[in-house]
PDB file of N, CA and C in Angstrom:
ATOM      1  N   MET A   1    -139.608 -28.047 128.926  1.00  0.00           N
ATOM      2  CA  MET A   1    -138.686 -27.623 127.863  1.00  0.00           C
ATOM      3  C   MET A   1    -139.418 -26.834 126.869  1.00  0.00           C
ATOM      4  N   THR A   2    -138.722 -25.838 126.276  1.00  0.00           N
ATOM      5  CA  THR A   2    -139.295 -25.053 125.213  1.00  0.00           C
ATOM      6  C   THR A   2    -138.509 -25.261 123.994  1.00  0.00           C
ATOM      7  N   VAL A   3    -139.218 -25.244 122.847  1.00  0.00           N
ATOM      8  CA  VAL A   3    -138.507 -25.380 121.560  1.00  0.00           C
ATOM      9  C   VAL A   3    -138.183 -24.042 121.021  1.00  0.00           C
ATOM     10  N   TYR A   4    -136.902 -23.790 120.766  1.00  0.00           N
ATOM     11  CA  TYR A   4    -136.445 -22.573 120.307  1.00  0.00           C
ATOM     12  C   TYR A   4    -135.804 -22.791 118.868  1.00  0.00           C
ATOM     13  N   ARG A   5    -135.827 -21.668 118.098  1.00  0.00           N
ATOM     14  CA  ARG A   5    -135.200 -21.736 116.758  1.00  0.00           C
ATOM     15  C   ARG A   5    -134.003 -20.786 116.693  1.00  0.00           C
ATOM     16  N   VAL A   6    -132.923 -21.290 116.223  1.00  0.00           N
ATOM     17  CA  VAL A   6    -131.710 -20.401 116.139  1.00  0.00           C
ATOM     18  C   VAL A   6    -131.520 -20.187 114.630  1.00  0.00           C
ATOM     19  N   TYR A   7    -131.486 -18.915 114.250  1.00  0.00           N
ATOM     20  CA  TYR A   7    -131.281 -18.491 112.868  1.00  0.00           C
ATOM     21  C   TYR A   7    -129.903 -17.931 112.694  1.00  0.00           C
ATOM     22  N   LYS A   8    -129.070 -18.562 111.768  1.00  0.00           N
ATOM     23  CA  LYS A   8    -127.769 -17.956 111.441  1.00  0.00           C
ATOM     24  C   LYS A   8    -128.017 -16.899 110.367  1.00  0.00           C
ATOM     25  N   LEU A   9    -127.374 -15.760 110.592  1.00  0.00           N
ATOM     26  CA  LEU A   9    -127.624 -14.644 109.700  1.00  0.00           C
ATOM     27  C   LEU A   9    -126.385 -14.300 108.860  1.00  0.00           C
ATOM     28  N   ARG A  10    -126.600 -13.729 107.667  1.00  0.00           N
ATOM     29  CA  ARG A  10    -125.479 -13.219 106.888  1.00  0.00           C
ATOM     30  C   ARG A  10    -125.110 -11.839 107.371  1.00  0.00           C
ATOM     31  N   GLU A  11    -124.022 -11.287 106.882  1.00  0.00           N
ATOM     32  CA  GLU A  11    -123.594  -9.979 107.295  1.00  0.00           C
ATOM     33  C   GLU A  11    -124.670  -8.916 106.922  1.00  0.00           C
ATOM     34  N   ASP A  12    -125.470  -9.079 105.944  1.00  0.00           N
ATOM     35  CA  ASP A  12    -126.558  -8.137 105.640  1.00  0.00           C
ATOM     36  C   ASP A  12    -127.730  -8.306 106.529  1.00  0.00           C
ATOM     37  N   GLY A  13    -127.792  -9.245 107.465  1.00  0.00           N
ATOM     38  CA  GLY A  13    -128.871  -9.437 108.344  1.00  0.00           C
ATOM     39  C   GLY A  13    -129.948 -10.399 107.924  1.00  0.00           C
ATOM     40  N   ARG A  14    -129.791 -10.975 106.676  1.00  0.00           N
ATOM     41  CA  ARG A  14    -130.715 -11.880 106.161  1.00  0.00           C
ATOM     42  C   ARG A  14    -130.493 -13.346 106.660  1.00  0.00           C
ATOM     43  N   VAL A  15    -131.448 -14.087 106.795  1.00  0.00           N
ATOM     44  CA  VAL A  15    -131.354 -15.452 107.278  1.00  0.00           C
ATOM     45  C   VAL A  15    -130.575 -16.261 106.185  1.00  0.00           C
ATOM     46  N   SER A  16    -129.625 -17.096 106.631  1.00  0.00           N
ATOM     47  CA  SER A  16    -128.769 -17.811 105.682  1.00  0.00           C
ATOM     48  C   SER A  16    -129.282 -19.200 105.407  1.00  0.00           C
ATOM     49  N   GLY A  17    -130.296 -19.658 106.107  1.00  0.00           N
ATOM     50  CA  GLY A  17    -130.819 -21.039 105.824  1.00  0.00           C
ATOM     51  C   GLY A  17    -131.829 -21.354 106.828  1.00  0.00           C
ATOM     52  N   PRO A  18    -132.248 -22.665 106.859  1.00  0.00           N
ATOM     53  CA  PRO A  18    -133.296 -23.058 107.805  1.00  0.00           C
ATOM     54  C   PRO A  18    -132.768 -22.970 109.231  1.00  0.00           C
ATOM     55  N   PRO A  19    -133.738 -22.828 110.197  1.00  0.00           N
ATOM     56  CA  PRO A  19    -133.312 -22.685 111.610  1.00  0.00           C
ATOM     57  C   PRO A  19    -132.770 -23.979 112.132  1.00  0.00           C
ATOM     58  N   HIS A  20    -131.996 -23.912 113.206  1.00  0.00           N
ATOM     59  CA  HIS A  20    -131.557 -25.047 113.998  1.00  0.00           C
ATOM     60  C   HIS A  20    -132.519 -25.039 115.208  1.00  0.00           C
ATOM     61  N   VAL A  21    -133.157 -26.196 115.365  1.00  0.00           N
ATOM     62  CA  VAL A  21    -134.130 -26.294 116.481  1.00  0.00           C
ATOM     63  C   VAL A  21    -133.485 -26.856 117.670  1.00  0.00           C
ATOM     64  N   ILE A  22    -133.696 -26.202 118.803  1.00  0.00           N
ATOM     65  CA  ILE A  22    -133.112 -26.674 120.073  1.00  0.00           C
ATOM     66  C   ILE A  22    -134.198 -26.722 121.183  1.00  0.00           C
ATOM     67  N   ASP A  23    -134.074 -27.631 122.135  1.00  0.00           N
ATOM     68  CA  ASP A  23    -134.930 -27.662 123.331  1.00  0.00           C
ATOM     69  C   ASP A  23    -134.169 -27.167 124.544  1.00  0.00           C
ATOM     70  N   CYS A  24    -134.680 -26.173 125.208  1.00  0.00           N
ATOM     71  CA  CYS A  24    -133.950 -25.665 126.413  1.00  0.00           C
ATOM     72  C   CYS A  24    -134.996 -25.308 127.507  1.00  0.00           C
ATOM     73  N   HIS A  25    -134.492 -25.174 128.697  1.00  0.00           N
ATOM     74  CA  HIS A  25    -135.334 -24.943 129.868  1.00  0.00           C
ATOM     75  C   HIS A  25    -135.836 -23.484 129.815  1.00  0.00           C
ATOM     76  N   ASP A  26    -134.966 -22.505 129.379  1.00  0.00           N
ATOM     77  CA  ASP A  26    -135.397 -21.152 129.417  1.00  0.00           C
ATOM     78  C   ASP A  26    -134.542 -20.291 128.403  1.00  0.00           C
ATOM     79  N   ASP A  27    -134.920 -19.037 128.348  1.00  0.00           N
ATOM     80  CA  ASP A  27    -134.261 -18.216 127.350  1.00  0.00           C
ATOM     81  C   ASP A  27    -132.727 -18.130 127.477  1.00  0.00           C
ATOM     82  N   GLU A  28    -132.252 -18.022 128.681  1.00  0.00           N
ATOM     83  CA  GLU A  28    -130.787 -17.948 128.974  1.00  0.00           C
ATOM     84  C   GLU A  28    -130.105 -19.197 128.498  1.00  0.00           C
ATOM     85  N   ALA A  29    -130.713 -20.364 128.718  1.00  0.00           N
ATOM     86  CA  ALA A  29    -130.118 -21.570 128.275  1.00  0.00           C
ATOM     87  C   ALA A  29    -130.086 -21.642 126.752  1.00  0.00           C
ATOM     88  N   ALA A  30    -131.138 -21.180 126.110  1.00  0.00           N
ATOM     89  CA  ALA A  30    -131.225 -21.100 124.699  1.00  0.00           C
ATOM     90  C   ALA A  30    -130.149 -20.248 124.038  1.00  0.00           C
ATOM     91  N   LEU A  31    -129.926 -19.042 124.632  1.00  0.00           N
ATOM     92  CA  LEU A  31    -128.908 -18.144 124.145  1.00  0.00           C
ATOM     93  C   LEU A  31    -127.519 -18.766 124.281  1.00  0.00           C
ATOM     94  N   GLN A  32    -127.315 -19.437 125.374  1.00  0.00           N
ATOM     95  CA  GLN A  32    -126.004 -20.086 125.632  1.00  0.00           C
ATOM     96  C   GLN A  32    -125.744 -21.189 124.561  1.00  0.00           C
ATOM     97  N   GLU A  33    -126.823 -21.977 124.276  1.00  0.00           N
ATOM     98  CA  GLU A  33    -126.664 -23.073 123.310  1.00  0.00           C
ATOM     99  C   GLU A  33    -126.479 -22.479 121.914  1.00  0.00           C
ATOM    100  N   ALA A  34    -127.149 -21.364 121.577  1.00  0.00           N
ATOM    101  CA  ALA A  34    -126.982 -20.733 120.279  1.00  0.00           C
ATOM    102  C   ALA A  34    -125.581 -20.235 120.143  1.00  0.00           C
ATOM    103  N   HIS A  35    -125.028 -19.645 121.193  1.00  0.00           N
ATOM    104  CA  HIS A  35    -123.681 -19.144 121.173  1.00  0.00           C
ATOM    105  C   HIS A  35    -122.672 -20.319 120.964  1.00  0.00           C
ATOM    106  N   ARG A  36    -122.897 -21.436 121.544  1.00  0.00           N
ATOM    107  CA  ARG A  36    -122.056 -22.626 121.366  1.00  0.00           C
ATOM    108  C   ARG A  36    -122.145 -23.150 119.944  1.00  0.00           C
ATOM    109  N   LEU A  37    -123.333 -23.199 119.379  1.00  0.00           N
ATOM    110  CA  LEU A  37    -123.631 -23.802 118.126  1.00  0.00           C
ATOM    111  C   LEU A  37    -122.943 -23.104 116.940  1.00  0.00           C
ATOM    112  N   PHE A  38    -123.023 -21.790 116.895  1.00  0.00           N
ATOM    113  CA  PHE A  38    -122.554 -21.010 115.660  1.00  0.00           C
ATOM    114  C   PHE A  38    -121.562 -19.987 116.138  1.00  0.00           C
ATOM    115  N   ARG A  39    -120.499 -20.410 116.711  1.00  0.00           N
ATOM    116  CA  ARG A  39    -119.436 -19.470 117.135  1.00  0.00           C
ATOM    117  C   ARG A  39    -118.889 -18.741 115.883  1.00  0.00           C
ATOM    118  N   GLY A  40    -118.763 -17.414 116.114  1.00  0.00           N
ATOM    119  CA  GLY A  40    -118.297 -16.552 115.086  1.00  0.00           C
ATOM    120  C   GLY A  40    -119.317 -16.101 114.032  1.00  0.00           C
ATOM    121  N   HIS A  41    -120.598 -16.437 114.253  1.00  0.00           N
ATOM    122  CA  HIS A  41    -121.650 -16.023 113.269  1.00  0.00           C
ATOM    123  C   HIS A  41    -122.701 -15.255 114.016  1.00  0.00           C
ATOM    124  N   LEU A  42    -123.220 -14.236 113.269  1.00  0.00           N
ATOM    125  CA  LEU A  42    -124.364 -13.481 113.781  1.00  0.00           C
ATOM    126  C   LEU A  42    -125.620 -14.400 113.801  1.00  0.00           C
ATOM    127  N   ARG A  43    -126.334 -14.474 114.923  1.00  0.00           N
ATOM    128  CA  ARG A  43    -127.493 -15.352 115.017  1.00  0.00           C
ATOM    129  C   ARG A  43    -128.559 -14.769 115.920  1.00  0.00           C
ATOM    130  N   GLU A  44    -129.783 -15.199 115.689  1.00  0.00           N
ATOM    131  CA  GLU A  44    -130.923 -14.788 116.454  1.00  0.00           C
ATOM    132  C   GLU A  44    -131.634 -16.018 116.992  1.00  0.00           C
ATOM    133  N   VAL A  45    -132.174 -15.904 118.138  1.00  0.00           N
ATOM    134  CA  VAL A  45    -132.918 -16.936 118.816  1.00  0.00           C
ATOM    135  C   VAL A  45    -134.369 -16.530 118.950  1.00  0.00           C
ATOM    136  N   TRP A  46    -135.234 -17.443 118.588  1.00  0.00           N
ATOM    137  CA  TRP A  46    -136.686 -17.197 118.643  1.00  0.00           C
ATOM    138  C   TRP A  46    -137.443 -18.287 119.297  1.00  0.00           C
ATOM    139  N   ASP A  47    -138.462 -17.983 120.019  1.00  0.00           N
ATOM    140  CA  ASP A  47    -139.477 -18.864 120.640  1.00  0.00           C
ATOM    141  C   ASP A  47    -140.722 -18.658 119.876  1.00  0.00           C
ATOM    142  N   LEU A  48    -140.904 -19.425 118.862  1.00  0.00           N
ATOM    143  CA  LEU A  48    -142.024 -19.201 117.811  1.00  0.00           C
ATOM    144  C   LEU A  48    -141.901 -17.801 117.315  1.00  0.00           C
ATOM    145  N   ALA A  49    -142.958 -16.924 117.548  1.00  0.00           N
ATOM    146  CA  ALA A  49    -142.856 -15.577 117.044  1.00  0.00           C
ATOM    147  C   ALA A  49    -142.287 -14.576 118.030  1.00  0.00           C
ATOM    148  N   ARG A  50    -141.838 -15.056 119.175  1.00  0.00           N
ATOM    149  CA  ARG A  50    -141.195 -14.168 120.190  1.00  0.00           C
ATOM    150  C   ARG A  50    -139.744 -14.119 120.119  1.00  0.00           C
ATOM    151  N   PHE A  51    -139.229 -12.926 119.794  1.00  0.00           N
ATOM    152  CA  PHE A  51    -137.783 -12.714 119.723  1.00  0.00           C
ATOM    153  C   PHE A  51    -137.115 -12.818 121.093  1.00  0.00           C
ATOM    154  N   VAL A  52    -136.135 -13.712 121.184  1.00  0.00           N
ATOM    155  CA  VAL A  52    -135.471 -13.941 122.428  1.00  0.00           C
ATOM    156  C   VAL A  52    -134.156 -13.040 122.542  1.00  0.00           C
ATOM    157  N   GLY A  53    -133.364 -13.096 121.502  1.00  0.00           N
ATOM    158  CA  GLY A  53    -132.128 -12.324 121.540  1.00  0.00           C
ATOM    159  C   GLY A  53    -131.276 -12.567 120.207  1.00  0.00           C
ATOM    160  N   ARG A  54    -130.367 -11.611 120.100  1.00  0.00           N
ATOM    161  CA  ARG A  54    -129.398 -11.714 118.920  1.00  0.00           C
ATOM    162  C   ARG A  54    -128.056 -11.749 119.496  1.00  0.00           C
ATOM    163  N   ILE A  55    -127.188 -12.583 118.971  1.00  0.00           N
ATOM    164  CA  ILE A  55    -125.805 -12.721 119.356  1.00  0.00           C
ATOM    165  C   ILE A  55    -124.901 -12.218 118.256  1.00  0.00           C
ATOM    166  N   ASP A  56    -124.124 -11.210 118.544  1.00  0.00           N
ATOM    167  CA  ASP A  56    -123.302 -10.559 117.547  1.00  0.00           C
ATOM    168  C   ASP A  56    -121.870 -10.753 117.955  1.00  0.00           C
ATOM    169  N   PRO A  57    -121.097 -11.683 117.350  1.00  0.00           N
ATOM    170  CA  PRO A  57    -119.746 -11.937 117.703  1.00  0.00           C
ATOM    171  C   PRO A  57    -118.821 -10.770 117.399  1.00  0.00           C
ATOM    172  N   ALA A  58    -119.185  -9.972 116.406  1.00  0.00           N
ATOM    173  CA  ALA A  58    -118.325  -8.841 116.077  1.00  0.00           C
ATOM    174  C   ALA A  58    -118.268  -7.789 117.216  1.00  0.00           C
ATOM    175  N   ARG A  59    -119.348  -7.668 117.895  1.00  0.00           N
ATOM    176  CA  ARG A  59    -119.467  -6.700 119.000  1.00  0.00           C
ATOM    177  C   ARG A  59    -119.343  -7.380 120.341  1.00  0.00           C
ATOM    178  N   ARG A  60    -119.254  -8.713 120.274  1.00  0.00           N
ATOM    179  CA  ARG A  60    -119.094  -9.503 121.577  1.00  0.00           C
ATOM    180  C   ARG A  60    -120.303  -9.153 122.566  1.00  0.00           C
ATOM    181  N   ARG A  61    -121.489  -9.151 121.948  1.00  0.00           N
ATOM    182  CA  ARG A  61    -122.652  -8.786 122.752  1.00  0.00           C
ATOM    183  C   ARG A  61    -123.835  -9.634 122.374  1.00  0.00           C
ATOM    184  N   THR A  62    -124.741  -9.700 123.290  1.00  0.00           N
ATOM    185  CA  THR A  62    -126.079 -10.303 123.043  1.00  0.00           C
ATOM    186  C   THR A  62    -127.079  -9.186 123.182  1.00  0.00           C
ATOM    187  N   TYR A  63    -127.984  -9.026 122.178  1.00  0.00           N
ATOM    188  CA  TYR A  63    -128.976  -7.939 122.180  1.00  0.00           C
ATOM    189  C   TYR A  63    -130.350  -8.523 122.389  1.00  0.00           C
ATOM    190  N   PHE A  64    -131.264  -7.762 123.057  1.00  0.00           N
ATOM    191  CA  PHE A  64    -132.525  -8.219 123.311  1.00  0.00           C
ATOM    192  C   PHE A  64    -133.596  -7.293 122.764  1.00  0.00           C
ATOM    193  N   GLU A  65    -133.184  -6.279 121.981  1.00  0.00           N
ATOM    194  CA  GLU A  65    -134.101  -5.382 121.454  1.00  0.00           C
ATOM    195  C   GLU A  65    -134.493  -5.764 119.947  1.00  0.00           C
ATOM    196  N   GLN A  66    -134.821  -4.800 119.194  1.00  0.00           N
ATOM    197  CA  GLN A  66    -135.314  -5.086 117.833  1.00  0.00           C
ATOM    198  C   GLN A  66    -134.471  -6.110 117.048  1.00  0.00           C
ATOM    199  N   PRO A  67    -135.103  -7.185 116.526  1.00  0.00           N
ATOM    200  CA  PRO A  67    -134.376  -8.173 115.748  1.00  0.00           C
ATOM    201  C   PRO A  67    -134.083  -7.654 114.382  1.00  0.00           C
ATOM    202  N   LEU A  68    -133.060  -8.306 113.791  1.00  0.00           N
ATOM    203  CA  LEU A  68    -132.628  -7.998 112.359  1.00  0.00           C
ATOM    204  C   LEU A  68    -133.522  -8.740 111.388  1.00  0.00           C
ATOM    205  N   ALA A  69    -133.907  -9.976 111.721  1.00  0.00           N
ATOM    206  CA  ALA A  69    -134.652 -10.767 110.752  1.00  0.00           C
ATOM    207  C   ALA A  69    -135.850 -11.378 111.453  1.00  0.00           C
ATOM    208  N   LYS A  70    -136.829 -11.772 110.653  1.00  0.00           N
ATOM    209  CA  LYS A  70    -137.995 -12.440 111.161  1.00  0.00           C
ATOM    210  C   LYS A  70    -138.065 -13.806 110.694  1.00  0.00           C
ATOM    211  N   PRO A  71    -138.501 -14.793 111.559  1.00  0.00           N
ATOM    212  CA  PRO A  71    -138.534 -16.184 111.096  1.00  0.00           C
ATOM    213  C   PRO A  71    -139.633 -16.397 110.055  1.00  0.00           C
TER     214      PRO A  71
END
């Protein structure tokens, strides 16, 4: 299991508080759990300093390129 951090973001892309820590088997499972945790909120998933993905409910997409925020 890998420890991931899920950051809930404000509309301006800034982190809105401390990360939610989750244990998951892989990146896909971490993204699914992040989607379940913060429905309706922009969020990013990180594995320490490695960006895993960003979930944007406004666009109904998950992005894997450049992150908005850094942990």
